[in-house]
Amino acid sequence: MSSAYSTREDSSSSPDGRTFDPDLAFLSRFSGPLMLLARAMLAYIFVLSGLTYIGEYAGVADYMQTNGVDGRLLPLVILTELGGGLLVLVGLKTRWAAIALFGFCLLTALLFHMGADQAVHFNKNVAMAGGFLSLAIFGPGGWSLDAWRKRALQGPGK
């Protein structure tokens, strides 16, 4: 078959009658809760970091200064991490928050993790940026405030 998409006929059946789903299409039935889980996993580190930065404000500002970034930008960092993380978590203005965190991850990788001893952190930030870019493109899913607001604006029965 030349098509890139497989069909049910392409699937392999096991002796007990179950059909193997090579494309994992069954995941679409759970897209709402799985997208909520994915958003929570992406948001986790940012919410935690934002809260930590509030408690360790002076130390974080000094660390930023040591890396050539003005410590007076720390309130913006906290707003981006904590605020953006919470918006992604609940799925409100998700695409905007995801774009902001996408850029934040790339800037963090370039400004703080370019050293040879920082390769893991650099790669982690690039990977998270990719996750946020995907979230910005595909949206937050059905279990989000964005989806709830869209349904509420459309009215019942639409």
N, C-alpha and C. Protein backbone atom coordinates (compact mmCIF):
# COMPACT_ATOMS: atom_id res chain seq x y z
N MET A 1 0.86 -1.18 0.00
CA MET A 1 0.00 0.00 0.00
C MET A 1 0.89 1.23 0.00
N SER A 2 0.63 2.18 -0.89
CA SER A 2 1.48 3.36 -1.01
C SER A 2 1.08 4.50 -0.10
N SER A 3 -0.07 4.42 0.50
CA SER A 3 -0.54 5.49 1.37
C SER A 3 0.29 5.55 2.65
N ALA A 4 0.51 6.75 3.15
CA ALA A 4 1.27 6.93 4.40
C ALA A 4 0.42 6.55 5.61
N TYR A 5 -0.88 6.47 5.42
CA TYR A 5 -1.77 6.16 6.53
C TYR A 5 -2.19 4.69 6.46
N SER A 6 -2.16 4.04 7.58
CA SER A 6 -2.58 2.65 7.58
C SER A 6 -4.08 2.58 7.82
N THR A 7 -4.67 1.50 7.40
CA THR A 7 -6.09 1.29 7.62
C THR A 7 -6.26 0.10 8.54
N ARG A 8 -7.49 -0.13 8.92
CA ARG A 8 -7.79 -1.25 9.81
C ARG A 8 -7.35 -2.57 9.16
N GLU A 9 -7.44 -2.64 7.83
CA GLU A 9 -7.03 -3.86 7.14
C GLU A 9 -5.53 -4.07 7.25
N ASP A 10 -4.76 -2.98 7.40
CA ASP A 10 -3.31 -3.08 7.52
C ASP A 10 -2.90 -3.58 8.90
N SER A 11 -3.77 -3.48 9.86
CA SER A 11 -3.45 -3.82 11.24
C SER A 11 -3.31 -5.32 11.39
N SER A 12 -2.52 -5.72 12.36
CA SER A 12 -2.34 -7.14 12.64
C SER A 12 -3.29 -7.54 13.76
N SER A 13 -3.99 -8.62 13.55
CA SER A 13 -4.89 -9.14 14.59
C SER A 13 -4.17 -10.19 15.39
N SER A 14 -4.39 -10.16 16.69
CA SER A 14 -3.82 -11.18 17.56
C SER A 14 -4.80 -12.33 17.68
N PRO A 15 -4.36 -13.48 18.23
CA PRO A 15 -5.26 -14.64 18.34
C PRO A 15 -6.52 -14.36 19.14
N ASP A 16 -6.48 -13.41 20.10
CA ASP A 16 -7.68 -13.14 20.90
C ASP A 16 -8.62 -12.13 20.23
N GLY A 17 -8.35 -11.76 18.96
CA GLY A 17 -9.23 -10.89 18.21
C GLY A 17 -8.92 -9.41 18.34
N ARG A 18 -7.98 -9.05 19.16
CA ARG A 18 -7.62 -7.63 19.28
C ARG A 18 -6.84 -7.20 18.05
N THR A 19 -7.01 -5.96 17.68
CA THR A 19 -6.31 -5.41 16.53
C THR A 19 -5.18 -4.52 17.02
N PHE A 20 -4.01 -4.73 16.46
CA PHE A 20 -2.87 -3.88 16.79
C PHE A 20 -3.06 -2.52 16.13
N ASP A 21 -2.84 -1.47 16.87
CA ASP A 21 -3.04 -0.10 16.40
C ASP A 21 -1.66 0.54 16.20
N PRO A 22 -1.04 0.36 15.03
CA PRO A 22 0.33 0.86 14.85
C PRO A 22 0.45 2.38 14.88
N ASP A 23 -0.64 3.09 14.63
CA ASP A 23 -0.61 4.55 14.64
C ASP A 23 -1.02 5.14 15.97
N LEU A 24 -1.34 4.28 16.94
CA LEU A 24 -1.78 4.71 18.27
C LEU A 24 -2.99 5.64 18.19
N ALA A 25 -3.87 5.36 17.24
CA ALA A 25 -5.06 6.19 17.03
C ALA A 25 -5.97 6.21 18.25
N PHE A 26 -5.90 5.19 19.08
CA PHE A 26 -6.75 5.14 20.28
C PHE A 26 -6.49 6.32 21.21
N LEU A 27 -5.30 6.92 21.11
CA LEU A 27 -4.99 8.06 21.97
C LEU A 27 -5.93 9.24 21.73
N SER A 28 -6.46 9.34 20.52
CA SER A 28 -7.36 10.47 20.23
C SER A 28 -8.62 10.43 21.09
N ARG A 29 -9.03 9.24 21.53
CA ARG A 29 -10.19 9.14 22.42
C ARG A 29 -9.92 9.80 23.76
N PHE A 30 -8.66 9.91 24.14
CA PHE A 30 -8.27 10.46 25.43
C PHE A 30 -7.55 11.80 25.29
N SER A 31 -7.74 12.48 24.17
CA SER A 31 -6.95 13.68 23.90
C SER A 31 -7.15 14.78 24.94
N GLY A 32 -8.37 14.96 25.44
CA GLY A 32 -8.61 16.00 26.45
C GLY A 32 -7.79 15.81 27.70
N PRO A 33 -7.94 14.67 28.38
CA PRO A 33 -7.16 14.47 29.60
C PRO A 33 -5.66 14.33 29.34
N LEU A 34 -5.28 13.76 28.19
CA LEU A 34 -3.85 13.63 27.91
C LEU A 34 -3.20 14.99 27.64
N MET A 35 -3.93 15.89 26.98
CA MET A 35 -3.39 17.23 26.78
C MET A 35 -3.29 17.99 28.10
N LEU A 36 -4.25 17.77 28.99
CA LEU A 36 -4.15 18.37 30.33
C LEU A 36 -2.90 17.86 31.03
N LEU A 37 -2.67 16.56 30.96
CA LEU A 37 -1.47 15.98 31.57
C LEU A 37 -0.21 16.55 30.93
N ALA A 38 -0.18 16.66 29.61
CA ALA A 38 0.99 17.21 28.91
C ALA A 38 1.24 18.66 29.32
N ARG A 39 0.15 19.45 29.41
CA ARG A 39 0.31 20.85 29.83
C ARG A 39 0.83 20.93 31.26
N ALA A 40 0.32 20.07 32.14
CA ALA A 40 0.77 20.06 33.53
C ALA A 40 2.25 19.70 33.61
N MET A 41 2.67 18.76 32.79
CA MET A 41 4.08 18.34 32.80
C MET A 41 4.98 19.45 32.28
N LEU A 42 4.53 20.17 31.25
CA LEU A 42 5.32 21.30 30.75
C LEU A 42 5.34 22.45 31.76
N ALA A 43 4.22 22.70 32.40
CA ALA A 43 4.10 23.84 33.31
C ALA A 43 4.82 23.63 34.63
N TYR A 44 4.93 22.40 35.06
CA TYR A 44 5.46 22.06 36.39
C TYR A 44 6.76 22.78 36.73
N ILE A 45 7.77 22.66 35.89
CA ILE A 45 9.08 23.23 36.19
C ILE A 45 9.04 24.76 36.24
N PHE A 46 8.14 25.36 35.46
CA PHE A 46 8.08 26.82 35.43
C PHE A 46 7.35 27.39 36.64
N VAL A 47 6.28 26.75 37.04
CA VAL A 47 5.57 27.19 38.25
C VAL A 47 6.49 27.02 39.46
N LEU A 48 7.15 25.88 39.56
CA LEU A 48 8.05 25.63 40.68
C LEU A 48 9.22 26.62 40.69
N SER A 49 9.82 26.87 39.54
CA SER A 49 10.93 27.82 39.46
C SER A 49 10.48 29.23 39.81
N GLY A 50 9.35 29.66 39.28
CA GLY A 50 8.85 30.99 39.58
C GLY A 50 8.64 31.20 41.07
N LEU A 51 8.06 30.21 41.74
CA LEU A 51 7.87 30.30 43.18
C LEU A 51 9.20 30.30 43.92
N THR A 52 10.13 29.48 43.48
CA THR A 52 11.46 29.43 44.10
C THR A 52 12.18 30.75 43.95
N TYR A 53 12.07 31.37 42.78
CA TYR A 53 12.75 32.65 42.54
C TYR A 53 12.23 33.75 43.45
N ILE A 54 10.96 33.69 43.80
CA ILE A 54 10.41 34.68 44.73
C ILE A 54 11.08 34.51 46.09
N GLY A 55 11.22 33.27 46.55
CA GLY A 55 11.82 33.00 47.85
C GLY A 55 13.31 33.23 47.91
N GLU A 56 13.98 33.11 46.78
CA GLU A 56 15.44 33.27 46.72
C GLU A 56 15.81 34.44 45.81
N TYR A 57 15.07 35.50 45.92
CA TYR A 57 15.16 36.63 45.00
C TYR A 57 16.59 37.17 44.85
N ALA A 58 17.24 37.49 45.95
CA ALA A 58 18.57 38.10 45.89
C ALA A 58 19.59 37.17 45.24
N GLY A 59 19.55 35.89 45.59
CA GLY A 59 20.48 34.93 45.01
C GLY A 59 20.29 34.75 43.51
N VAL A 60 19.04 34.72 43.10
CA VAL A 60 18.75 34.55 41.67
C VAL A 60 19.17 35.80 40.90
N ALA A 61 18.92 36.97 41.47
CA ALA A 61 19.34 38.21 40.81
C ALA A 61 20.86 38.26 40.67
N ASP A 62 21.60 37.81 41.68
CA ASP A 62 23.06 37.75 41.60
C ASP A 62 23.51 36.77 40.52
N TYR A 63 22.85 35.61 40.44
CA TYR A 63 23.18 34.61 39.42
C TYR A 63 22.97 35.19 38.02
N MET A 64 21.87 35.91 37.84
CA MET A 64 21.61 36.53 36.55
C MET A 64 22.70 37.54 36.22
N GLN A 65 23.06 38.34 37.21
CA GLN A 65 24.09 39.36 37.01
C GLN A 65 25.42 38.72 36.63
N THR A 66 25.75 37.62 37.28
CA THR A 66 26.99 36.88 37.00
C THR A 66 27.03 36.40 35.55
N ASN A 67 25.86 36.10 34.99
CA ASN A 67 25.78 35.62 33.61
C ASN A 67 25.50 36.72 32.61
N GLY A 68 25.68 37.97 33.02
CA GLY A 68 25.56 39.09 32.11
C GLY A 68 24.14 39.56 31.84
N VAL A 69 23.20 39.13 32.66
CA VAL A 69 21.80 39.55 32.51
C VAL A 69 21.44 40.43 33.70
N ASP A 70 20.92 41.60 33.41
CA ASP A 70 20.57 42.55 34.47
C ASP A 70 19.58 41.93 35.46
N GLY A 71 19.94 41.92 36.72
CA GLY A 71 19.10 41.36 37.77
C GLY A 71 17.76 42.05 37.91
N ARG A 72 17.65 43.28 37.40
CA ARG A 72 16.38 43.99 37.45
C ARG A 72 15.32 43.37 36.55
N LEU A 73 15.74 42.42 35.71
CA LEU A 73 14.79 41.71 34.86
C LEU A 73 14.11 40.53 35.58
N LEU A 74 14.54 40.26 36.82
CA LEU A 74 13.99 39.12 37.55
C LEU A 74 12.47 39.17 37.70
N PRO A 75 11.85 40.33 37.98
CA PRO A 75 10.37 40.32 38.03
C PRO A 75 9.73 39.84 36.73
N LEU A 76 10.32 40.19 35.59
CA LEU A 76 9.82 39.73 34.29
C LEU A 76 10.03 38.22 34.15
N VAL A 77 11.15 37.72 34.64
CA VAL A 77 11.42 36.28 34.61
C VAL A 77 10.38 35.55 35.46
N ILE A 78 10.12 36.06 36.67
CA ILE A 78 9.14 35.42 37.55
C ILE A 78 7.75 35.46 36.92
N LEU A 79 7.38 36.60 36.34
CA LEU A 79 6.08 36.71 35.68
C LEU A 79 5.97 35.72 34.52
N THR A 80 7.04 35.60 33.75
CA THR A 80 7.02 34.69 32.60
C THR A 80 6.92 33.24 33.07
N GLU A 81 7.76 32.86 34.03
CA GLU A 81 7.77 31.48 34.47
C GLU A 81 6.51 31.12 35.26
N LEU A 82 6.21 31.88 36.29
CA LEU A 82 5.06 31.56 37.14
C LEU A 82 3.74 31.84 36.41
N GLY A 83 3.62 33.03 35.85
CA GLY A 83 2.39 33.38 35.15
C GLY A 83 2.17 32.53 33.91
N GLY A 84 3.22 32.40 33.09
CA GLY A 84 3.10 31.57 31.89
C GLY A 84 2.83 30.12 32.23
N GLY A 85 3.51 29.61 33.25
CA GLY A 85 3.29 28.23 33.68
C GLY A 85 1.86 27.99 34.13
N LEU A 86 1.32 28.92 34.91
CA LEU A 86 -0.06 28.77 35.37
C LEU A 86 -1.07 28.87 34.23
N LEU A 87 -0.81 29.78 33.27
CA LEU A 87 -1.70 29.89 32.11
C LEU A 87 -1.69 28.60 31.29
N VAL A 88 -0.51 28.03 31.09
CA VAL A 88 -0.42 26.76 30.36
C VAL A 88 -1.12 25.66 31.14
N LEU A 89 -0.92 25.62 32.43
CA LEU A 89 -1.53 24.58 33.27
C LEU A 89 -3.05 24.56 33.14
N VAL A 90 -3.68 25.71 33.26
CA VAL A 90 -5.14 25.76 33.22
C VAL A 90 -5.67 25.88 31.79
N GLY A 91 -4.79 26.15 30.83
CA GLY A 91 -5.22 26.25 29.45
C GLY A 91 -5.94 27.54 29.13
N LEU A 92 -5.43 28.65 29.63
CA LEU A 92 -6.00 29.97 29.38
C LEU A 92 -4.99 30.81 28.61
N LYS A 93 -5.42 31.35 27.46
CA LYS A 93 -4.49 32.07 26.58
C LYS A 93 -3.25 31.21 26.33
N THR A 94 -3.52 29.94 26.11
CA THR A 94 -2.47 28.93 26.06
C THR A 94 -1.46 29.19 24.95
N ARG A 95 -1.94 29.53 23.78
CA ARG A 95 -1.01 29.72 22.66
C ARG A 95 -0.07 30.89 22.92
N TRP A 96 -0.58 31.97 23.48
CA TRP A 96 0.27 33.12 23.80
C TRP A 96 1.30 32.75 24.88
N ALA A 97 0.84 32.06 25.91
CA ALA A 97 1.76 31.64 26.98
C ALA A 97 2.80 30.68 26.44
N ALA A 98 2.39 29.78 25.56
CA ALA A 98 3.32 28.81 24.99
C ALA A 98 4.37 29.50 24.14
N ILE A 99 3.97 30.50 23.37
CA ILE A 99 4.95 31.25 22.55
C ILE A 99 5.93 31.98 23.46
N ALA A 100 5.42 32.59 24.54
CA ALA A 100 6.31 33.30 25.48
C ALA A 100 7.30 32.32 26.11
N LEU A 101 6.83 31.15 26.53
CA LEU A 101 7.72 30.18 27.17
C LEU A 101 8.65 29.53 26.17
N PHE A 102 8.23 29.40 24.92
CA PHE A 102 9.10 28.94 23.84
C PHE A 102 10.31 29.87 23.73
N GLY A 103 10.05 31.17 23.62
CA GLY A 103 11.13 32.14 23.53
C GLY A 103 11.98 32.18 24.78
N PHE A 104 11.32 32.08 25.94
CA PHE A 104 12.04 32.09 27.21
C PHE A 104 13.02 30.91 27.29
N CYS A 105 12.56 29.72 26.89
CA CYS A 105 13.43 28.54 26.92
C CYS A 105 14.65 28.72 26.03
N LEU A 106 14.43 29.26 24.83
CA LEU A 106 15.56 29.46 23.92
C LEU A 106 16.53 30.51 24.47
N LEU A 107 16.00 31.61 25.00
CA LEU A 107 16.87 32.63 25.59
C LEU A 107 17.65 32.08 26.78
N THR A 108 16.99 31.30 27.62
CA THR A 108 17.67 30.71 28.77
C THR A 108 18.79 29.79 28.33
N ALA A 109 18.52 28.98 27.30
CA ALA A 109 19.55 28.08 26.78
C ALA A 109 20.75 28.89 26.29
N LEU A 110 20.50 29.95 25.55
CA LEU A 110 21.58 30.74 24.96
C LEU A 110 22.32 31.61 25.97
N LEU A 111 21.63 32.14 26.96
CA LEU A 111 22.26 33.06 27.91
C LEU A 111 22.89 32.36 29.12
N PHE A 112 22.34 31.20 29.51
CA PHE A 112 22.80 30.58 30.75
C PHE A 112 23.40 29.19 30.58
N HIS A 113 23.19 28.55 29.44
CA HIS A 113 23.58 27.15 29.33
C HIS A 113 24.45 26.84 28.11
N MET A 114 25.31 27.76 27.73
CA MET A 114 26.16 27.54 26.57
C MET A 114 27.50 26.87 26.92
N GLY A 115 27.83 26.78 28.19
CA GLY A 115 29.10 26.19 28.58
C GLY A 115 29.13 24.69 28.37
N ALA A 116 30.33 24.15 28.26
CA ALA A 116 30.50 22.70 28.04
C ALA A 116 29.88 21.89 29.19
N ASP A 117 29.91 22.43 30.39
CA ASP A 117 29.35 21.73 31.55
C ASP A 117 27.83 21.91 31.66
N GLN A 118 27.24 22.60 30.71
CA GLN A 118 25.80 22.91 30.74
C GLN A 118 25.02 22.21 29.62
N ALA A 119 25.63 21.23 28.97
CA ALA A 119 25.01 20.61 27.80
C ALA A 119 23.64 20.01 28.11
N VAL A 120 23.50 19.35 29.25
CA VAL A 120 22.21 18.75 29.60
C VAL A 120 21.15 19.83 29.76
N HIS A 121 21.48 20.92 30.43
CA HIS A 121 20.52 22.01 30.63
C HIS A 121 20.19 22.70 29.31
N PHE A 122 21.19 22.86 28.46
CA PHE A 122 20.96 23.44 27.14
C PHE A 122 19.98 22.58 26.35
N ASN A 123 20.25 21.28 26.30
CA ASN A 123 19.38 20.36 25.55
C ASN A 123 17.97 20.31 26.14
N LYS A 124 17.88 20.34 27.47
CA LYS A 124 16.57 20.34 28.14
C LYS A 124 15.76 21.56 27.73
N ASN A 125 16.39 22.71 27.69
CA ASN A 125 15.69 23.94 27.33
C ASN A 125 15.27 23.93 25.86
N VAL A 126 16.10 23.41 25.00
CA VAL A 126 15.73 23.30 23.58
C VAL A 126 14.55 22.34 23.42
N ALA A 127 14.57 21.22 24.14
CA ALA A 127 13.47 20.26 24.08
C ALA A 127 12.17 20.86 24.60
N MET A 128 12.24 21.59 25.71
CA MET A 128 11.04 22.22 26.24
C MET A 128 10.52 23.28 25.27
N ALA A 129 11.42 24.00 24.61
CA ALA A 129 10.99 24.98 23.61
C ALA A 129 10.20 24.28 22.51
N GLY A 130 10.64 23.12 22.09
CA GLY A 130 9.90 22.35 21.09
C GLY A 130 8.52 21.94 21.58
N GLY A 131 8.43 21.55 22.84
CA GLY A 131 7.13 21.21 23.41
C GLY A 131 6.19 22.40 23.42
N PHE A 132 6.72 23.57 23.78
CA PHE A 132 5.89 24.77 23.79
C PHE A 132 5.50 25.20 22.38
N LEU A 133 6.40 25.02 21.43
CA LEU A 133 6.05 25.35 20.04
C LEU A 133 4.92 24.44 19.56
N SER A 134 4.98 23.16 19.89
CA SER A 134 3.90 22.23 19.54
C SER A 134 2.59 22.66 20.19
N LEU A 135 2.65 23.04 21.44
CA LEU A 135 1.45 23.49 22.15
C LEU A 135 0.87 24.74 21.50
N ALA A 136 1.73 25.66 21.09
CA ALA A 136 1.26 26.87 20.42
C ALA A 136 0.60 26.55 19.09
N ILE A 137 1.11 25.56 18.38
CA ILE A 137 0.56 25.20 17.07
C ILE A 137 -0.76 24.44 17.21
N PHE A 138 -0.79 23.43 18.08
CA PHE A 138 -1.95 22.54 18.15
C PHE A 138 -2.98 22.94 19.19
N GLY A 139 -2.65 23.83 20.10
CA GLY A 139 -3.60 24.30 21.09
C GLY A 139 -3.66 23.42 22.32
N PRO A 140 -4.45 23.85 23.30
CA PRO A 140 -4.45 23.22 24.62
C PRO A 140 -5.30 21.97 24.77
N GLY A 141 -6.15 21.67 23.80
CA GLY A 141 -7.03 20.51 23.92
C GLY A 141 -8.35 20.86 24.56
N GLY A 142 -9.22 19.87 24.62
CA GLY A 142 -10.59 20.07 25.10
C GLY A 142 -10.73 20.34 26.58
N TRP A 143 -9.80 19.84 27.37
CA TRP A 143 -9.87 20.05 28.81
C TRP A 143 -9.03 21.29 29.17
N SER A 144 -9.51 22.44 28.76
CA SER A 144 -8.79 23.70 29.01
C SER A 144 -9.81 24.83 29.14
N LEU A 145 -9.39 25.90 29.77
CA LEU A 145 -10.27 27.07 29.86
C LEU A 145 -10.48 27.70 28.50
N ASP A 146 -9.48 27.63 27.63
CA ASP A 146 -9.65 28.15 26.27
C ASP A 146 -10.79 27.42 25.56
N ALA A 147 -10.82 26.10 25.65
CA ALA A 147 -11.87 25.31 25.00
C ALA A 147 -13.23 25.58 25.66
N TRP A 148 -13.24 25.69 26.97
CA TRP A 148 -14.48 25.98 27.70
C TRP A 148 -15.04 27.33 27.25
N ARG A 149 -14.17 28.34 27.16
CA ARG A 149 -14.61 29.67 26.73
C ARG A 149 -15.15 29.63 25.30
N LYS A 150 -14.48 28.87 24.45
CA LYS A 150 -14.93 28.77 23.05
C LYS A 150 -16.31 28.12 22.98
N ARG A 151 -16.52 27.05 23.75
CA ARG A 151 -17.82 26.39 23.79
C ARG A 151 -18.89 27.33 24.35
N ALA A 152 -18.55 28.09 25.39
CA ALA A 152 -19.51 29.00 26.00
C ALA A 152 -19.91 30.12 25.03
N LEU A 153 -18.96 30.61 24.24
CA LEU A 153 -19.27 31.67 23.27
C LEU A 153 -20.11 31.17 22.12
N GLN A 154 -19.95 29.89 21.77
CA GLN A 154 -20.73 29.32 20.66
C GLN A 154 -22.17 29.06 21.07
N GLY A 155 -22.41 28.91 22.35
CA GLY A 155 -23.76 28.68 22.84
C GLY A 155 -24.15 27.22 22.79
N PRO A 156 -25.28 26.90 23.39
CA PRO A 156 -25.72 25.50 23.44
C PRO A 156 -26.14 24.98 22.08
N GLY A 157 -25.86 23.71 21.85
CA GLY A 157 -26.29 23.04 20.62
C GLY A 157 -25.48 23.38 19.39
N LYS A 158 -24.39 24.07 19.55
CA LYS A 158 -23.57 24.42 18.37
C LYS A 158 -22.29 23.67 18.37
